[in-house]
Amino acid sequence: MIRPSGAAGFSGRSAPVASSRLTDAVAASLAIGSLSLCLIVTLTVLSIKISMAMPIPA
């Protein structure tokens, strides 16, 4: 059984899936999400360091 040359795998022509505006919106939302996650992690680490530096009241 012989397949046509363009029928296997991803060797065929690619079609655009989404518009460039949608791609830009997804990229922007991912960038904002990653920045906010980085900010949350930084604040968490700083608050843990501050709480460990404070003496435990007896």
Protein backbone atom coordinates (compact mmCIF):
# COMPACT_ATOMS: atom_id res chain seq x y z
CA MET A 1 0.00 0.00 0.00
CA ILE A 2 1.57 3.28 -1.11
CA ARG A 3 0.57 6.63 0.37
CA PRO A 4 0.61 9.88 -1.54
CA SER A 5 3.64 12.03 -0.78
CA GLY A 6 1.74 14.80 1.07
CA ALA A 7 -0.59 12.63 3.13
CA ALA A 8 1.68 11.50 5.95
CA GLY A 9 2.38 13.41 9.15
CA PHE A 10 2.80 17.16 9.14
CA SER A 11 4.35 17.42 5.72
CA GLY A 12 1.29 19.03 4.16
CA ARG A 13 0.68 22.76 3.92
CA SER A 14 -0.24 24.40 7.21
CA ALA A 15 -3.38 26.46 7.47
CA PRO A 16 -3.67 29.46 9.79
CA VAL A 17 -5.62 28.42 12.87
CA ALA A 18 -6.24 31.70 14.66
CA SER A 19 -6.03 35.34 13.75
CA SER A 20 -2.99 37.35 14.76
CA ARG A 21 -5.13 39.47 17.08
CA LEU A 22 -6.22 36.37 19.00
CA THR A 23 -2.64 35.11 19.14
CA ASP A 24 -1.47 38.48 20.50
CA ALA A 25 -4.24 38.47 23.12
CA VAL A 26 -3.30 34.97 24.27
CA ALA A 27 0.39 35.91 24.43
CA ALA A 28 -0.40 39.06 26.41
CA SER A 29 -2.60 37.19 28.88
CA LEU A 30 0.10 34.54 29.37
CA ALA A 31 2.69 37.25 29.98
CA ILE A 32 0.47 39.00 32.54
CA GLY A 33 -0.27 35.69 34.24
CA SER A 34 3.39 34.76 34.50
CA LEU A 35 4.32 38.19 35.87
CA SER A 36 1.60 38.03 38.49
CA LEU A 37 2.67 34.52 39.49
CA CYS A 38 6.27 35.72 39.85
CA LEU A 39 5.09 38.62 42.01
CA ILE A 40 3.03 36.30 44.24
CA VAL A 41 5.98 33.92 44.69
CA THR A 42 8.30 36.83 45.52
CA LEU A 43 5.91 38.24 48.11
CA THR A 44 5.43 34.79 49.63
CA VAL A 45 9.17 34.20 49.96
CA LEU A 46 9.70 37.65 51.47
CA SER A 47 6.91 37.17 54.00
CA ILE A 48 8.31 33.77 55.02
CA LYS A 49 11.76 35.28 55.49
CA ILE A 50 10.31 38.12 57.58
CA SER A 51 8.25 35.76 59.72
CA MET A 52 11.27 33.50 60.33
CA ALA A 53 13.38 36.48 61.37
CA MET A 54 10.91 37.57 64.06
CA PRO A 55 11.38 36.04 67.48
CA ILE A 56 8.72 33.71 68.82
CA PRO A 57 6.93 35.33 71.79
CA ALA A 58 7.24 33.24 74.94
